[in-house]
PDB file of N, CA and C in Angstrom:
ATOM      1  N   MET A   1     -15.672 -18.224  -5.253  1.00  0.00           N
ATOM      2  CA  MET A   1     -15.271 -17.662  -5.786  1.00  0.00           C
ATOM      3  C   MET A   1     -16.351 -16.403  -6.503  1.00  0.00           C
ATOM      4  N   VAL A   2     -15.903 -15.354  -6.311  1.00  0.00           N
ATOM      5  CA  VAL A   2     -16.946 -14.207  -7.150  1.00  0.00           C
ATOM      6  C   VAL A   2     -17.513 -14.069  -8.587  1.00  0.00           C
ATOM      7  N   GLN A   3     -18.234 -14.180  -8.792  1.00  0.00           N
ATOM      8  CA  GLN A   3     -18.908 -13.816  -9.837  1.00  0.00           C
ATOM      9  C   GLN A   3     -19.695 -12.400 -10.538  1.00  0.00           C
ATOM     10  N   ALA A   4     -19.305 -11.451 -11.466  1.00  0.00           N
ATOM     11  CA  ALA A   4     -19.702 -10.111 -11.558  1.00  0.00           C
ATOM     12  C   ALA A   4     -19.542 -10.280 -13.215  1.00  0.00           C
ATOM     13  N   ILE A   5     -20.810  -9.363 -13.330  1.00  0.00           N
ATOM     14  CA  ILE A   5     -20.896  -8.848 -15.185  1.00  0.00           C
ATOM     15  C   ILE A   5     -20.291  -7.261 -15.097  1.00  0.00           C
ATOM     16  N   ILE A   6     -19.414  -7.065 -15.657  1.00  0.00           N
ATOM     17  CA  ILE A   6     -19.162  -5.432 -15.576  1.00  0.00           C
ATOM     18  C   ILE A   6     -19.063  -5.099 -16.985  1.00  0.00           C
ATOM     19  N   ASN A   7     -19.212  -3.786 -16.827  1.00  0.00           N
ATOM     20  CA  ASN A   7     -19.095  -3.187 -18.531  1.00  0.00           C
ATOM     21  C   ASN A   7     -17.533  -2.149 -18.193  1.00  0.00           C
ATOM     22  N   ILE A   8     -16.944  -2.528 -19.242  1.00  0.00           N
ATOM     23  CA  ILE A   8     -15.354  -1.772 -19.494  1.00  0.00           C
ATOM     24  C   ILE A   8     -15.273  -1.243 -20.518  1.00  0.00           C
ATOM     25  N   SER A   9     -14.460  -0.387 -20.922  1.00  0.00           N
ATOM     26  CA  SER A   9     -13.664   0.029 -21.958  1.00  0.00           C
ATOM     27  C   SER A   9     -13.417  -0.388 -22.787  1.00  0.00           C
ATOM     28  N   GLU A  10     -13.100  -0.075 -24.250  1.00  0.00           N
ATOM     29  CA  GLU A  10     -12.252  -0.783 -25.267  1.00  0.00           C
ATOM     30  C   GLU A  10     -10.731  -0.874 -24.578  1.00  0.00           C
ATOM     31  N   LYS A  11     -10.360   0.189 -24.133  1.00  0.00           N
ATOM     32  CA  LYS A  11      -9.166   0.559 -23.446  1.00  0.00           C
ATOM     33  C   LYS A  11      -8.907  -0.391 -22.600  1.00  0.00           C
ATOM     34  N   ALA A  12      -9.817  -0.330 -21.290  1.00  0.00           N
ATOM     35  CA  ALA A  12      -9.669  -1.419 -20.511  1.00  0.00           C
ATOM     36  C   ALA A  12      -9.459  -2.883 -20.623  1.00  0.00           C
ATOM     37  N   ASN A  13     -10.420  -3.142 -22.180  1.00  0.00           N
ATOM     38  CA  ASN A  13     -10.434  -4.684 -22.419  1.00  0.00           C
ATOM     39  C   ASN A  13      -9.174  -4.529 -22.996  1.00  0.00           C
ATOM     40  N   ARG A  14      -8.358  -3.806 -23.825  1.00  0.00           N
ATOM     41  CA  ARG A  14      -7.212  -4.393 -24.485  1.00  0.00           C
ATOM     42  C   ARG A  14      -5.951  -4.205 -23.329  1.00  0.00           C
ATOM     43  N   VAL A  15      -5.700  -3.264 -21.951  1.00  0.00           N
ATOM     44  CA  VAL A  15      -5.175  -3.779 -21.341  1.00  0.00           C
ATOM     45  C   VAL A  15      -5.507  -4.955 -20.648  1.00  0.00           C
ATOM     46  N   ILE A  16      -6.144  -5.571 -20.377  1.00  0.00           N
ATOM     47  CA  ILE A  16      -6.560  -6.651 -19.974  1.00  0.00           C
ATOM     48  C   ILE A  16      -6.328  -8.030 -20.715  1.00  0.00           C
ATOM     49  N   ASN A  17      -6.345  -7.922 -22.002  1.00  0.00           N
ATOM     50  CA  ASN A  17      -5.806  -8.784 -22.940  1.00  0.00           C
ATOM     51  C   ASN A  17      -4.528  -8.992 -23.209  1.00  0.00           C
ATOM     52  N   ILE A  18      -3.703  -7.501 -22.813  1.00  0.00           N
ATOM     53  CA  ILE A  18      -2.200  -7.551 -23.069  1.00  0.00           C
ATOM     54  C   ILE A  18      -1.838  -8.095 -21.419  1.00  0.00           C
ATOM     55  N   VAL A  19      -2.114  -8.024 -20.489  1.00  0.00           N
ATOM     56  CA  VAL A  19      -1.772  -9.177 -19.202  1.00  0.00           C
ATOM     57  C   VAL A  19      -1.885  -9.961 -19.405  1.00  0.00           C
ATOM     58  N   LYS A  20      -3.093 -10.586 -19.899  1.00  0.00           N
ATOM     59  CA  LYS A  20      -3.728 -12.226 -20.339  1.00  0.00           C
ATOM     60  C   LYS A  20      -2.358 -12.726 -20.856  1.00  0.00           C
ATOM     61  N   ALA A  21      -2.192 -12.266 -22.267  1.00  0.00           N
ATOM     62  CA  ALA A  21      -1.154 -12.487 -23.300  1.00  0.00           C
ATOM     63  C   ALA A  21       0.447 -12.577 -22.225  1.00  0.00           C
ATOM     64  N   LYS A  22       0.780 -11.409 -21.494  1.00  0.00           N
ATOM     65  CA  LYS A  22       1.795 -11.484 -21.007  1.00  0.00           C
ATOM     66  C   LYS A  22       2.099 -12.500 -20.139  1.00  0.00           C
ATOM     67  N   TYR A  23       1.301 -13.017 -19.279  1.00  0.00           N
ATOM     68  CA  TYR A  23       1.713 -13.987 -18.065  1.00  0.00           C
ATOM     69  C   TYR A  23       0.893 -15.234 -18.828  1.00  0.00           C
ATOM     70  N   GLY A  24       0.317 -15.262 -19.955  1.00  0.00           N
ATOM     71  CA  GLY A  24       0.118 -16.739 -20.493  1.00  0.00           C
ATOM     72  C   GLY A  24      -1.316 -17.183 -19.640  1.00  0.00           C
ATOM     73  N   LEU A  25      -2.036 -16.501 -19.503  1.00  0.00           N
ATOM     74  CA  LEU A  25      -3.423 -16.922 -18.372  1.00  0.00           C
ATOM     75  C   LEU A  25      -4.263 -17.312 -19.361  1.00  0.00           C
ATOM     76  N   LYS A  26      -5.244 -18.139 -19.147  1.00  0.00           N
ATOM     77  CA  LYS A  26      -5.913 -18.714 -19.678  1.00  0.00           C
ATOM     78  C   LYS A  26      -7.352 -17.721 -19.742  1.00  0.00           C
ATOM     79  N   ASP A  27      -7.505 -16.966 -18.897  1.00  0.00           N
ATOM     80  CA  ASP A  27      -8.894 -15.999 -19.362  1.00  0.00           C
ATOM     81  C   ASP A  27      -8.684 -14.630 -18.766  1.00  0.00           C
ATOM     82  N   LYS A  28      -9.521 -13.741 -19.022  1.00  0.00           N
ATOM     83  CA  LYS A  28      -9.618 -12.361 -18.089  1.00  0.00           C
ATOM     84  C   LYS A  28      -9.727 -12.488 -16.998  1.00  0.00           C
ATOM     85  N   SER A  29     -10.504 -13.216 -16.010  1.00  0.00           N
ATOM     86  CA  SER A  29     -10.664 -13.149 -14.915  1.00  0.00           C
ATOM     87  C   SER A  29      -9.069 -13.432 -14.286  1.00  0.00           C
ATOM     88  N   GLU A  30      -8.295 -14.185 -14.672  1.00  0.00           N
ATOM     89  CA  GLU A  30      -7.133 -14.540 -14.039  1.00  0.00           C
ATOM     90  C   GLU A  30      -5.904 -12.783 -14.208  1.00  0.00           C
ATOM     91  N   ALA A  31      -6.136 -12.494 -15.381  1.00  0.00           N
ATOM     92  CA  ALA A  31      -5.960 -10.951 -15.830  1.00  0.00           C
ATOM     93  C   ALA A  31      -6.169  -9.926 -14.486  1.00  0.00           C
ATOM     94  N   ILE A  32      -7.286 -10.293 -14.717  1.00  0.00           N
ATOM     95  CA  ILE A  32      -7.968  -8.788 -13.522  1.00  0.00           C
ATOM     96  C   ILE A  32      -7.488  -9.412 -12.273  1.00  0.00           C
ATOM     97  N   ASN A  33      -7.534 -10.629 -11.417  1.00  0.00           N
ATOM     98  CA  ASN A  33      -6.920 -10.985 -10.466  1.00  0.00           C
ATOM     99  C   ASN A  33      -4.915 -10.536 -10.250  1.00  0.00           C
ATOM    100  N   ILE A  34      -4.515 -11.009 -11.391  1.00  0.00           N
ATOM    101  CA  ILE A  34      -3.103  -9.909 -11.317  1.00  0.00           C
ATOM    102  C   ILE A  34      -3.163  -8.879 -10.864  1.00  0.00           C
ATOM    103  N   MET A  35      -3.984  -8.394 -11.841  1.00  0.00           N
ATOM    104  CA  MET A  35      -3.808  -6.504 -11.848  1.00  0.00           C
ATOM    105  C   MET A  35      -4.499  -5.858 -10.334  1.00  0.00           C
ATOM    106  N   ALA A  36      -5.273  -6.882 -10.024  1.00  0.00           N
ATOM    107  CA  ALA A  36      -5.746  -6.366  -8.406  1.00  0.00           C
ATOM    108  C   ALA A  36      -4.592  -6.826  -7.530  1.00  0.00           C
ATOM    109  N   GLU A  37      -4.176  -7.837  -7.492  1.00  0.00           N
ATOM    110  CA  GLU A  37      -2.805  -8.114  -6.760  1.00  0.00           C
ATOM    111  C   GLU A  37      -1.680  -6.974  -6.840  1.00  0.00           C
ATOM    112  N   GLU A  38      -1.153  -6.544  -8.059  1.00  0.00           N
ATOM    113  CA  GLU A  38      -0.233  -5.570  -8.327  1.00  0.00           C
ATOM    114  C   GLU A  38      -0.454  -4.229  -7.471  1.00  0.00           C
ATOM    115  N   TYR A  39      -1.606  -3.813  -7.558  1.00  0.00           N
ATOM    116  CA  TYR A  39      -2.388  -2.490  -7.147  1.00  0.00           C
ATOM    117  C   TYR A  39      -2.052  -2.682  -5.925  1.00  0.00           C
ATOM    118  N   GLN A  40      -2.933  -3.820  -5.444  1.00  0.00           N
ATOM    119  CA  GLN A  40      -2.454  -3.693  -3.562  1.00  0.00           C
ATOM    120  C   GLN A  40      -1.074  -3.655  -3.363  1.00  0.00           C
ATOM    121  N   GLU A  41      -0.232  -4.101  -4.158  1.00  0.00           N
ATOM    122  CA  GLU A  41       1.305  -4.104  -3.608  1.00  0.00           C
ATOM    123  C   GLU A  41       1.505  -2.639  -3.841  1.00  0.00           C
ATOM    124  N   SER A  42       1.448  -2.496  -4.983  1.00  0.00           N
ATOM    125  CA  SER A  42       1.763  -0.979  -5.456  1.00  0.00           C
ATOM    126  C   SER A  42       1.244   0.381  -4.844  1.00  0.00           C
ATOM    127  N   VAL A  43      -0.032   0.317  -4.541  1.00  0.00           N
ATOM    128  CA  VAL A  43      -1.051   1.689  -3.972  1.00  0.00           C
ATOM    129  C   VAL A  43      -1.118   1.616  -2.852  1.00  0.00           C
ATOM    130  N   MET A  44      -2.026   0.632  -2.216  1.00  0.00           N
ATOM    131  CA  MET A  44      -2.666   0.272  -1.009  1.00  0.00           C
ATOM    132  C   MET A  44      -1.692   0.323   0.199  1.00  0.00           C
ATOM    133  N   GLU A  45      -1.958   0.594   1.345  1.00  0.00           N
ATOM    134  CA  GLU A  45      -1.258   0.379   2.347  1.00  0.00           C
ATOM    135  C   GLU A  45      -0.401  -0.835   2.683  1.00  0.00           C
ATOM    136  N   PRO A  46       0.642  -1.006   2.349  1.00  0.00           N
ATOM    137  CA  PRO A  46       1.995  -2.396   2.629  1.00  0.00           C
ATOM    138  C   PRO A  46       1.634  -2.597   4.095  1.00  0.00           C
ATOM    139  N   GLU A  47       2.324  -3.553   4.311  1.00  0.00           N
ATOM    140  CA  GLU A  47       2.361  -3.674   5.934  1.00  0.00           C
ATOM    141  C   GLU A  47       3.643  -3.475   6.529  1.00  0.00           C
ATOM    142  N   LEU A  48       3.214  -3.329   7.655  1.00  0.00           N
ATOM    143  CA  LEU A  48       4.664  -2.570   8.298  1.00  0.00           C
ATOM    144  C   LEU A  48       5.825  -3.669   8.648  1.00  0.00           C
ATOM    145  N   ARG A  49       6.913  -3.468   8.168  1.00  0.00           N
ATOM    146  CA  ARG A  49       8.278  -4.264   8.399  1.00  0.00           C
ATOM    147  C   ARG A  49       8.293  -4.025   9.631  1.00  0.00           C
ATOM    148  N   PRO A  50       8.918  -5.655  10.307  1.00  0.00           N
ATOM    149  CA  PRO A  50       8.807  -6.013  11.848  1.00  0.00           C
ATOM    150  C   PRO A  50       9.927  -5.047  12.656  1.00  0.00           C
ATOM    151  N   GLU A  51      10.776  -4.635  11.926  1.00  0.00           N
ATOM    152  CA  GLU A  51      11.785  -3.900  12.531  1.00  0.00           C
ATOM    153  C   GLU A  51      11.474  -2.352  12.570  1.00  0.00           C
ATOM    154  N   TYR A  52      10.519  -2.328  12.297  1.00  0.00           N
ATOM    155  CA  TYR A  52       9.926  -0.803  12.511  1.00  0.00           C
ATOM    156  C   TYR A  52       8.791  -0.821  13.191  1.00  0.00           C
ATOM    157  N   ILE A  53       8.190  -1.845  13.698  1.00  0.00           N
ATOM    158  CA  ILE A  53       7.463  -1.919  14.317  1.00  0.00           C
ATOM    159  C   ILE A  53       8.173  -1.783  15.782  1.00  0.00           C
ATOM    160  N   LYS A  54       8.877  -2.655  16.059  1.00  0.00           N
ATOM    161  CA  LYS A  54      10.151  -3.044  17.035  1.00  0.00           C
ATOM    162  C   LYS A  54      10.588  -1.139  17.454  1.00  0.00           C
ATOM    163  N   LYS A  55      11.125  -0.379  16.022  1.00  0.00           N
ATOM    164  CA  LYS A  55      11.465   1.134  16.384  1.00  0.00           C
ATOM    165  C   LYS A  55       9.954   1.786  17.219  1.00  0.00           C
ATOM    166  N   ALA A  56       8.864   1.681  16.276  1.00  0.00           N
ATOM    167  CA  ALA A  56       8.206   2.189  17.342  1.00  0.00           C
ATOM    168  C   ALA A  56       7.594   2.091  18.515  1.00  0.00           C
ATOM    169  N   LEU A  57       7.322   1.090  18.876  1.00  0.00           N
ATOM    170  CA  LEU A  57       7.316   0.281  20.177  1.00  0.00           C
ATOM    171  C   LEU A  57       8.041   0.733  21.185  1.00  0.00           C
ATOM    172  N   LYS A  58       9.931   0.985  20.662  1.00  0.00           N
ATOM    173  CA  LYS A  58      10.681   1.598  21.753  1.00  0.00           C
ATOM    174  C   LYS A  58      10.583   3.060  21.936  1.00  0.00           C
ATOM    175  N   ILE A  59      10.062   3.406  20.668  1.00  0.00           N
ATOM    176  CA  ILE A  59       9.797   5.318  20.958  1.00  0.00           C
ATOM    177  C   ILE A  59       8.384   5.557  21.426  1.00  0.00           C
ATOM    178  N   GLN A  60       7.516   4.513  21.562  1.00  0.00           N
ATOM    179  CA  GLN A  60       6.506   4.868  22.418  1.00  0.00           C
ATOM    180  C   GLN A  60       6.399   4.747  23.988  1.00  0.00           C
ATOM    181  N   ARG A  61       7.466   3.501  24.294  1.00  0.00           N
ATOM    182  CA  ARG A  61       7.944   3.652  25.599  1.00  0.00           C
ATOM    183  C   ARG A  61       8.685   4.617  26.636  1.00  0.00           C
ATOM    184  N   GLN A  62       9.386   5.262  25.724  1.00  0.00           N
ATOM    185  CA  GLN A  62      10.271   6.306  26.218  1.00  0.00           C
ATOM    186  C   GLN A  62       9.191   7.251  26.624  1.00  0.00           C
ATOM    187  N   ALA A  63      10.200   7.757  27.739  1.00  0.00           N
ATOM    188  CA  ALA A  63       9.282   8.911  28.556  1.00  0.00           C
ATOM    189  C   ALA A  63       8.928  10.465  27.795  1.00  0.00           C
ATOM    190  N   PRO A  64       7.935  10.818  28.204  1.00  0.00           N
ATOM    191  CA  PRO A  64       7.581  12.479  27.585  1.00  0.00           C
ATOM    192  C   PRO A  64       8.645  13.078  27.630  1.00  0.00           C
ATOM    193  N   ILE A  65       9.012  14.085  27.110  1.00  0.00           N
ATOM    194  CA  ILE A  65      10.124  15.243  27.869  1.00  0.00           C
ATOM    195  C   ILE A  65       9.107  16.526  27.929  1.00  0.00           C
ATOM    196  N   LYS A  66       9.060  17.338  29.182  1.00  0.00           N
ATOM    197  CA  LYS A  66       8.357  18.273  29.375  1.00  0.00           C
ATOM    198  C   LYS A  66       9.282  19.467  29.057  1.00  0.00           C
ATOM    199  N   VAL A  67       8.364  20.251  28.027  1.00  0.00           N
ATOM    200  CA  VAL A  67       9.449  21.531  27.572  1.00  0.00           C
ATOM    201  C   VAL A  67       8.788  22.537  28.051  1.00  0.00           C
ATOM    202  N   GLY A  68       7.487  22.770  28.603  1.00  0.00           N
ATOM    203  CA  GLY A  68       6.755  23.810  28.829  1.00  0.00           C
ATOM    204  C   GLY A  68       6.095  24.842  27.799  1.00  0.00           C
ATOM    205  N   THR A  69       7.034  25.538  27.292  1.00  0.00           N
ATOM    206  CA  THR A  69       6.261  26.825  25.950  1.00  0.00           C
ATOM    207  C   THR A  69       7.596  26.619  25.072  1.00  0.00           C
ATOM    208  N   VAL A  70       7.451  26.946  23.781  1.00  0.00           N
ATOM    209  CA  VAL A  70       7.742  26.888  22.596  1.00  0.00           C
ATOM    210  C   VAL A  70       8.891  27.831  22.760  1.00  0.00           C
ATOM    211  N   GLU A  71       9.055  28.839  23.757  1.00  0.00           N
ATOM    212  CA  GLU A  71      10.327  29.408  23.663  1.00  0.00           C
ATOM    213  C   GLU A  71      11.208  28.375  24.316  1.00  0.00           C
ATOM    214  N   ASN A  72      10.685  27.518  25.232  1.00  0.00           N
ATOM    215  CA  ASN A  72      11.568  26.768  25.972  1.00  0.00           C
ATOM    216  C   ASN A  72      12.166  25.785  24.867  1.00  0.00           C
ATOM    217  N   LEU A  73      11.488  25.265  24.284  1.00  0.00           N
ATOM    218  CA  LEU A  73      11.712  23.901  23.098  1.00  0.00           C
ATOM    219  C   LEU A  73      12.625  24.945  22.206  1.00  0.00           C
ATOM    220  N   ARG A  74      12.751  25.993  21.944  1.00  0.00           N
ATOM    221  CA  ARG A  74      13.349  26.581  21.144  1.00  0.00           C
ATOM    222  C   ARG A  74      14.947  26.631  21.785  1.00  0.00           C
ATOM    223  N   LYS A  75      15.097  26.816  23.022  1.00  0.00           N
ATOM    224  CA  LYS A  75      16.172  27.264  23.598  1.00  0.00           C
ATOM    225  C   LYS A  75      16.692  26.061  24.321  1.00  0.00           C
ATOM    226  N   ARG A  76      15.871  25.163  24.003  1.00  0.00           N
ATOM    227  CA  ARG A  76      16.585  23.360  24.255  1.00  0.00           C
ATOM    228  C   ARG A  76      17.740  23.325  22.738  1.00  0.00           C
ATOM    229  N   TYR A  77      16.910  23.292  21.635  1.00  0.00           N
ATOM    230  CA  TYR A  77      17.494  22.747  20.585  1.00  0.00           C
ATOM    231  C   TYR A  77      18.229  23.840  19.256  1.00  0.00           C
ATOM    232  N   GLU A  78      18.360  25.161  19.975  1.00  0.00           N
ATOM    233  CA  GLU A  78      19.059  25.637  19.272  1.00  0.00           C
ATOM    234  C   GLU A  78      20.633  25.673  19.679  1.00  0.00           C
TER     235      GLU A  78
END
């Protein structure tokens, strides 16, 4: 386990105390761990769902379409 001495604002301290009380935690480090986990789930890039990976691999295996110019592409899809 990593230990750190940190400087935080009064507002951040209040938020940590609220999280600590809400979850019935023993200390502020547990509250910070909960906050970090929630941040990871909501903000950081989530893992890809297995069905999305299968779909992406299927698309990747498809043969490319030769269209030539932009005009040819427009004619093909208009």
